[in-house]
Amino acid sequence: MTGNAPALWVKICGLTEEVGVEAAVEAGADAIGFVFASSPRRITPQRAAELARRVPPHVQRVAVTLHPPQSLIDELCDVLCPDVLQTDIEDLAGLIVPGTLRVHPVLRAGRAVPAQIPPRLLFEGPVSGRGETTDWVRAAQLAQRTQLILAGGLSPQNVAAAIAAVGPFGVDVSSGVERAPGVKDPERIRQFVHAARAAAGSLMAG
């Protein structure tokens, strides 16, 4: 199955402080996300570059946008030099994205699936950052056809169930590891990564 990759990809998103970045790296996350859209987690490209400065090369830096103007994409490439651009799939037709920048298109629950499914996509709820669980049944269907990153309402408490139900390539969490909007909790980050890795290991063993 395309969706069941040998190792689970884990992203901690919406980072705004050094302590959260450090916790994500120490916990073994594969990627960290910085938000450049309307959100309590929004930061500037300059702040993201500061936070990313000491992140090791094996941890991907993801620029998270929503309906961005081309000027923002250009600024992010100049200032942050992210590894990945995450934005709604509908946004991509109007953007010029450097060939060196990987793209994770976002498909939101309830929207039509494109005729050509990208090799990797992020499946999210209708609105990001609200802690609302998305449609796991639909996600599981899509995970049979692409490397699906599951987002929307995940937490240390439900990520194992989500992985068992969906069989995703990866998982993405933001509000589920916070003590307040935009303020990450290092212990919850560690719990999330541990629970996700353990669940993925059980799924592969089964």
C-alpha atoms as a PDB file:
ATOM      1  CA  MET A   1       0.000   0.000   0.000  1.00  0.00           C
ATOM      2  CA  THR A   2       1.289   3.436  -0.868  1.00  0.00           C
ATOM      3  CA  GLY A   3       0.036   4.969   2.352  1.00  0.00           C
ATOM      4  CA  ASN A   4       1.861   2.558   4.671  1.00  0.00           C
ATOM      5  CA  ALA A   5       5.443   3.774   4.528  1.00  0.00           C
ATOM      6  CA  PRO A   6       8.180   1.826   6.397  1.00  0.00           C
ATOM      7  CA  ALA A   7       8.629   4.643   8.909  1.00  0.00           C
ATOM      8  CA  LEU A   8       6.049   7.153  10.083  1.00  0.00           C
ATOM      9  CA  TRP A   9       6.751  10.806   9.220  1.00  0.00           C
ATOM     10  CA  VAL A  10       5.949  13.127  12.145  1.00  0.00           C
ATOM     11  CA  LYS A  11       5.568  16.910  11.979  1.00  0.00           C
ATOM     12  CA  ILE A  12       5.112  19.359  14.847  1.00  0.00           C
ATOM     13  CA  CYS A  13       3.461  22.470  13.420  1.00  0.00           C
ATOM     14  CA  GLY A  14       2.805  26.030  14.528  1.00  0.00           C
ATOM     15  CA  LEU A  15       6.064  26.545  16.402  1.00  0.00           C
ATOM     16  CA  THR A  16       6.657  30.034  17.771  1.00  0.00           C
ATOM     17  CA  GLU A  17       9.321  29.628  20.491  1.00  0.00           C
ATOM     18  CA  GLU A  18      12.750  28.049  20.894  1.00  0.00           C
ATOM     19  CA  VAL A  19      11.516  25.678  23.599  1.00  0.00           C
ATOM     20  CA  GLY A  20       8.987  24.111  21.240  1.00  0.00           C
ATOM     21  CA  VAL A  21      11.503  23.749  18.421  1.00  0.00           C
ATOM     22  CA  GLU A  22      14.013  22.119  20.773  1.00  0.00           C
ATOM     23  CA  ALA A  23      11.385  19.740  22.154  1.00  0.00           C
ATOM     24  CA  ALA A  24      10.312  18.692  18.656  1.00  0.00           C
ATOM     25  CA  VAL A  25      13.888  18.007  17.574  1.00  0.00           C
ATOM     26  CA  GLU A  26      14.763  16.162  20.799  1.00  0.00           C
ATOM     27  CA  ALA A  27      11.599  14.037  20.549  1.00  0.00           C
ATOM     28  CA  GLY A  28      12.616  12.885  17.079  1.00  0.00           C
ATOM     29  CA  ALA A  29      10.162  14.750  14.868  1.00  0.00           C
ATOM     30  CA  ASP A  30      10.910  14.561  11.147  1.00  0.00           C
ATOM     31  CA  ALA A  31       9.667  18.076  10.441  1.00  0.00           C
ATOM     32  CA  ILE A  32       8.745  21.334  12.119  1.00  0.00           C
ATOM     33  CA  GLY A  33       6.194  23.762  10.742  1.00  0.00           C
ATOM     34  CA  PHE A  34       6.069  27.555  10.834  1.00  0.00           C
ATOM     35  CA  VAL A  35       2.748  29.255  10.103  1.00  0.00           C
ATOM     36  CA  PHE A  36       2.508  32.289   7.806  1.00  0.00           C
ATOM     37  CA  ALA A  37      -1.282  32.561   7.683  1.00  0.00           C
ATOM     38  CA  SER A  38      -3.867  34.135   9.977  1.00  0.00           C
ATOM     39  CA  SER A  39      -3.479  32.213  13.246  1.00  0.00           C
ATOM     40  CA  PRO A  40      -2.364  32.612  16.886  1.00  0.00           C
ATOM     41  CA  ARG A  41       0.723  30.727  15.645  1.00  0.00           C
ATOM     42  CA  ARG A  42       1.608  33.144  12.886  1.00  0.00           C
ATOM     43  CA  ILE A  43       5.193  34.431  12.869  1.00  0.00           C
ATOM     44  CA  THR A  44       7.306  36.413  10.440  1.00  0.00           C
ATOM     45  CA  PRO A  45       9.744  34.814   8.013  1.00  0.00           C
ATOM     46  CA  GLN A  46      12.544  36.512   9.944  1.00  0.00           C
ATOM     47  CA  ARG A  47      11.408  34.949  13.235  1.00  0.00           C
ATOM     48  CA  ALA A  48      11.094  31.534  11.575  1.00  0.00           C
ATOM     49  CA  ALA A  49      14.644  31.828  10.253  1.00  0.00           C
ATOM     50  CA  GLU A  50      15.872  32.578  13.790  1.00  0.00           C
ATOM     51  CA  LEU A  51      14.032  29.567  15.196  1.00  0.00           C
ATOM     52  CA  ALA A  52      15.291  27.294  12.420  1.00  0.00           C
ATOM     53  CA  ARG A  53      18.922  28.344  12.706  1.00  0.00           C
ATOM     54  CA  ARG A  54      19.980  25.502  15.005  1.00  0.00           C
ATOM     55  CA  VAL A  55      17.654  22.845  13.594  1.00  0.00           C
ATOM     56  CA  PRO A  56      19.700  19.908  12.272  1.00  0.00           C
ATOM     57  CA  PRO A  57      19.612  19.266   8.510  1.00  0.00           C
ATOM     58  CA  HIS A  58      17.697  15.990   8.821  1.00  0.00           C
ATOM     59  CA  VAL A  59      14.665  17.826  10.283  1.00  0.00           C
ATOM     60  CA  GLN A  60      12.609  19.403   7.516  1.00  0.00           C
ATOM     61  CA  ARG A  61      11.475  23.007   7.856  1.00  0.00           C
ATOM     62  CA  VAL A  62       7.948  23.456   6.524  1.00  0.00           C
ATOM     63  CA  ALA A  63       6.483  26.832   5.555  1.00  0.00           C
ATOM     64  CA  VAL A  64       2.719  26.664   6.152  1.00  0.00           C
ATOM     65  CA  THR A  65       0.624  29.130   4.149  1.00  0.00           C
ATOM     66  CA  LEU A  66      -2.968  29.675   3.068  1.00  0.00           C
ATOM     67  CA  HIS A  67      -3.803  31.485  -0.172  1.00  0.00           C
ATOM     68  CA  PRO A  68      -0.398  33.198  -0.135  1.00  0.00           C
ATOM     69  CA  PRO A  69       0.574  35.967  -2.540  1.00  0.00           C
ATOM     70  CA  GLN A  70       3.614  35.298  -4.687  1.00  0.00           C
ATOM     71  CA  SER A  71       5.491  37.961  -2.727  1.00  0.00           C
ATOM     72  CA  LEU A  72       5.233  35.853   0.440  1.00  0.00           C
ATOM     73  CA  ILE A  73       6.558  32.759  -1.310  1.00  0.00           C
ATOM     74  CA  ASP A  74       9.478  34.785  -2.647  1.00  0.00           C
ATOM     75  CA  GLU A  75      10.209  36.231   0.795  1.00  0.00           C
ATOM     76  CA  LEU A  76      10.084  32.823   2.448  1.00  0.00           C
ATOM     77  CA  CYS A  77      12.516  31.414  -0.089  1.00  0.00           C
ATOM     78  CA  ASP A  78      14.890  34.336   0.454  1.00  0.00           C
ATOM     79  CA  VAL A  79      14.688  34.575   4.251  1.00  0.00           C
ATOM     80  CA  LEU A  80      13.821  31.108   5.572  1.00  0.00           C
ATOM     81  CA  CYS A  81      14.841  28.785   2.713  1.00  0.00           C
ATOM     82  CA  PRO A  82      12.308  26.141   3.771  1.00  0.00           C
ATOM     83  CA  ASP A  83      12.524  22.520   2.695  1.00  0.00           C
ATOM     84  CA  VAL A  84       8.775  22.201   2.126  1.00  0.00           C
ATOM     85  CA  LEU A  85       5.885  24.508   1.217  1.00  0.00           C
ATOM     86  CA  GLN A  86       2.490  23.500   2.626  1.00  0.00           C
ATOM     87  CA  THR A  87      -0.538  25.235   1.153  1.00  0.00           C
ATOM     88  CA  ASP A  88      -4.040  24.388  -0.051  1.00  0.00           C
ATOM     89  CA  ILE A  89      -4.010  22.451  -3.296  1.00  0.00           C
ATOM     90  CA  GLU A  90      -6.084  25.160  -5.010  1.00  0.00           C
ATOM     91  CA  ASP A  91      -3.366  27.735  -4.295  1.00  0.00           C
ATOM     92  CA  LEU A  92      -0.703  26.038  -6.374  1.00  0.00           C
ATOM     93  CA  ALA A  93      -2.067  26.907  -9.811  1.00  0.00           C
ATOM     94  CA  GLY A  94      -1.377  30.598  -9.177  1.00  0.00           C
ATOM     95  CA  LEU A  95       2.083  30.288  -7.635  1.00  0.00           C
ATOM     96  CA  ILE A  96       5.615  30.038  -8.979  1.00  0.00           C
ATOM     97  CA  VAL A  97       7.422  27.595  -6.704  1.00  0.00           C
ATOM     98  CA  PRO A  98      11.141  26.899  -7.081  1.00  0.00           C
ATOM     99  CA  GLY A  99      11.900  23.393  -8.287  1.00  0.00           C
ATOM    100  CA  THR A 100      14.094  22.801  -5.238  1.00  0.00           C
ATOM    101  CA  LEU A 101      11.166  23.409  -2.859  1.00  0.00           C
ATOM    102  CA  ARG A 102       9.055  20.341  -2.126  1.00  0.00           C
ATOM    103  CA  VAL A 103       5.311  20.943  -1.943  1.00  0.00           C
ATOM    104  CA  HIS A 104       2.787  19.316   0.378  1.00  0.00           C
ATOM    105  CA  PRO A 105      -0.619  20.221  -1.071  1.00  0.00           C
ATOM    106  CA  VAL A 106      -3.439  20.415   1.479  1.00  0.00           C
ATOM    107  CA  LEU A 107      -6.730  18.707   0.676  1.00  0.00           C
ATOM    108  CA  ARG A 108      -9.482  19.624   3.099  1.00  0.00           C
ATOM    109  CA  ALA A 109     -12.300  17.317   4.153  1.00  0.00           C
ATOM    110  CA  GLY A 110     -15.440  17.859   2.119  1.00  0.00           C
ATOM    111  CA  ARG A 111     -13.632  19.137  -0.967  1.00  0.00           C
ATOM    112  CA  ALA A 112     -13.413  17.298  -4.263  1.00  0.00           C
ATOM    113  CA  VAL A 113     -10.429  15.053  -4.827  1.00  0.00           C
ATOM    114  CA  PRO A 114      -8.453  16.156  -7.885  1.00  0.00           C
ATOM    115  CA  ALA A 115      -8.369  13.889 -10.930  1.00  0.00           C
ATOM    116  CA  GLN A 116      -4.621  13.574 -10.511  1.00  0.00           C
ATOM    117  CA  ILE A 117      -3.726  12.962  -6.885  1.00  0.00           C
ATOM    118  CA  PRO A 118      -0.283  14.283  -5.898  1.00  0.00           C
ATOM    119  CA  PRO A 119       2.250  11.677  -4.752  1.00  0.00           C
ATOM    120  CA  ARG A 120       2.047  13.173  -1.261  1.00  0.00           C
ATOM    121  CA  LEU A 121      -0.638  15.346   0.320  1.00  0.00           C
ATOM    122  CA  LEU A 122      -1.841  16.548   3.683  1.00  0.00           C
ATOM    123  CA  PHE A 123      -5.454  15.757   4.586  1.00  0.00           C
ATOM    124  CA  GLU A 124      -6.898  18.361   6.924  1.00  0.00           C
ATOM    125  CA  GLY A 125     -10.219  19.487   8.355  1.00  0.00           C
ATOM    126  CA  PRO A 126     -12.142  22.408   6.838  1.00  0.00           C
ATOM    127  CA  VAL A 127     -10.239  24.943   8.997  1.00  0.00           C
ATOM    128  CA  SER A 128      -6.720  24.509  10.360  1.00  0.00           C
ATOM    129  CA  GLY A 129      -5.631  25.012  13.962  1.00  0.00           C
ATOM    130  CA  ARG A 130      -8.956  24.488  15.707  1.00  0.00           C
ATOM    131  CA  GLY A 131      -8.313  21.023  17.056  1.00  0.00           C
ATOM    132  CA  GLU A 132     -11.210  19.536  15.098  1.00  0.00           C
ATOM    133  CA  THR A 133     -10.837  15.897  14.084  1.00  0.00           C
ATOM    134  CA  THR A 134     -11.123  15.336  10.360  1.00  0.00           C
ATOM    135  CA  ASP A 135     -12.777  12.498   8.399  1.00  0.00           C
ATOM    136  CA  TRP A 136     -10.657   9.428   9.137  1.00  0.00           C
ATOM    137  CA  VAL A 137     -12.738   7.190   6.852  1.00  0.00           C
ATOM    138  CA  ARG A 138     -12.086   9.433   3.851  1.00  0.00           C
ATOM    139  CA  ALA A 139      -8.466   9.767   4.902  1.00  0.00           C
ATOM    140  CA  ALA A 140      -8.049   5.986   4.984  1.00  0.00           C
ATOM    141  CA  GLN A 141      -9.411   5.730   1.449  1.00  0.00           C
ATOM    142  CA  LEU A 142      -6.965   8.349   0.206  1.00  0.00           C
ATOM    143  CA  ALA A 143      -4.069   6.711   2.072  1.00  0.00           C
ATOM    144  CA  GLN A 144      -4.461   3.763  -0.297  1.00  0.00           C
ATOM    145  CA  ARG A 145      -3.628   6.038  -3.225  1.00  0.00           C
ATOM    146  CA  THR A 146      -0.980   8.471  -2.002  1.00  0.00           C
ATOM    147  CA  GLN A 147       1.449   9.236   0.806  1.00  0.00           C
ATOM    148  CA  LEU A 148      -1.121  10.827   3.078  1.00  0.00           C
ATOM    149  CA  ILE A 149      -0.176  13.056   5.991  1.00  0.00           C
ATOM    150  CA  LEU A 150      -3.044  13.136   8.472  1.00  0.00           C
ATOM    151  CA  ALA A 151      -3.766  16.408  10.282  1.00  0.00           C
ATOM    152  CA  GLY A 152      -6.697  17.881  12.165  1.00  0.00           C
ATOM    153  CA  GLY A 153      -7.496  17.339  15.829  1.00  0.00           C
ATOM    154  CA  LEU A 154      -4.644  14.937  16.598  1.00  0.00           C
ATOM    155  CA  SER A 155      -3.261  14.704  20.134  1.00  0.00           C
ATOM    156  CA  PRO A 156      -1.188  12.332  22.267  1.00  0.00           C
ATOM    157  CA  GLN A 157      -4.461  10.721  23.343  1.00  0.00           C
ATOM    158  CA  ASN A 158      -5.902   9.898  19.905  1.00  0.00           C
ATOM    159  CA  VAL A 159      -2.938   9.628  17.530  1.00  0.00           C
ATOM    160  CA  ALA A 160      -2.629   5.862  18.006  1.00  0.00           C
ATOM    161  CA  ALA A 161      -6.285   5.352  17.097  1.00  0.00           C
ATOM    162  CA  ALA A 162      -5.868   7.669  14.103  1.00  0.00           C
ATOM    163  CA  ILE A 163      -2.876   5.737  12.801  1.00  0.00           C
ATOM    164  CA  ALA A 164      -4.679   2.415  13.241  1.00  0.00           C
ATOM    165  CA  ALA A 165      -7.753   3.736  11.415  1.00  0.00           C
ATOM    166  CA  VAL A 166      -6.018   5.542   8.547  1.00  0.00           C
ATOM    167  CA  GLY A 167      -2.614   3.932   8.006  1.00  0.00           C
ATOM    168  CA  PRO A 168      -1.064   7.267   7.004  1.00  0.00           C
ATOM    169  CA  PHE A 169       2.394   8.045   5.676  1.00  0.00           C
ATOM    170  CA  GLY A 170       2.656  10.732   8.346  1.00  0.00           C
ATOM    171  CA  VAL A 171       0.909  12.714  11.066  1.00  0.00           C
ATOM    172  CA  ASP A 172       0.862  16.446  11.745  1.00  0.00           C
ATOM    173  CA  VAL A 173      -0.050  18.088  15.061  1.00  0.00           C
ATOM    174  CA  SER A 174      -0.328  21.672  16.257  1.00  0.00           C
ATOM    175  CA  SER A 175      -3.000  22.610  18.812  1.00  0.00           C
ATOM    176  CA  GLY A 176      -2.980  19.096  20.274  1.00  0.00           C
ATOM    177  CA  VAL A 177       0.454  19.672  21.826  1.00  0.00           C
ATOM    178  CA  GLU A 178      -0.212  23.148  23.231  1.00  0.00           C
ATOM    179  CA  ARG A 179      -0.862  24.477  26.724  1.00  0.00           C
ATOM    180  CA  ALA A 180      -2.422  27.629  25.202  1.00  0.00           C
ATOM    181  CA  PRO A 181      -3.047  28.794  21.621  1.00  0.00           C
ATOM    182  CA  GLY A 182       0.363  29.216  20.017  1.00  0.00           C
ATOM    183  CA  VAL A 183       2.270  27.995  23.107  1.00  0.00           C
ATOM    184  CA  LYS A 184       3.675  24.499  22.758  1.00  0.00           C
ATOM    185  CA  ASP A 185       4.028  22.113  25.703  1.00  0.00           C
ATOM    186  CA  PRO A 186       7.348  20.190  25.473  1.00  0.00           C
ATOM    187  CA  GLU A 187       5.984  17.234  27.430  1.00  0.00           C
ATOM    188  CA  ARG A 188       2.950  16.903  25.168  1.00  0.00           C
ATOM    189  CA  ILE A 189       5.250  17.041  22.132  1.00  0.00           C
ATOM    190  CA  ARG A 190       7.286  14.159  23.555  1.00  0.00           C
ATOM    191  CA  GLN A 191       4.128  12.210  24.371  1.00  0.00           C
ATOM    192  CA  PHE A 192       2.755  12.731  20.877  1.00  0.00           C
ATOM    193  CA  VAL A 193       5.894  11.590  19.067  1.00  0.00           C
ATOM    194  CA  HIS A 194       6.270   8.577  21.359  1.00  0.00           C
ATOM    195  CA  ALA A 195       2.620   7.550  20.927  1.00  0.00           C
ATOM    196  CA  ALA A 196       2.795   7.992  17.162  1.00  0.00           C
ATOM    197  CA  ARG A 197       5.992   5.949  16.805  1.00  0.00           C
ATOM    198  CA  ALA A 198       4.645   3.190  19.035  1.00  0.00           C
ATOM    199  CA  ALA A 199       1.383   3.015  17.085  1.00  0.00           C
ATOM    200  CA  ALA A 200       3.193   2.899  13.762  1.00  0.00           C
ATOM    201  CA  GLY A 201       5.429   0.115  15.040  1.00  0.00           C
ATOM    202  CA  SER A 202       2.420  -1.905  16.152  1.00  0.00           C
ATOM    203  CA  LEU A 203       0.736  -1.387  12.788  1.00  0.00           C
ATOM    204  CA  MET A 204       3.799  -2.617  10.895  1.00  0.00           C
ATOM    205  CA  ALA A 205       4.212  -5.596  13.238  1.00  0.00           C
ATOM    206  CA  GLY A 206       0.561  -6.537  12.788  1.00  0.00           C
END
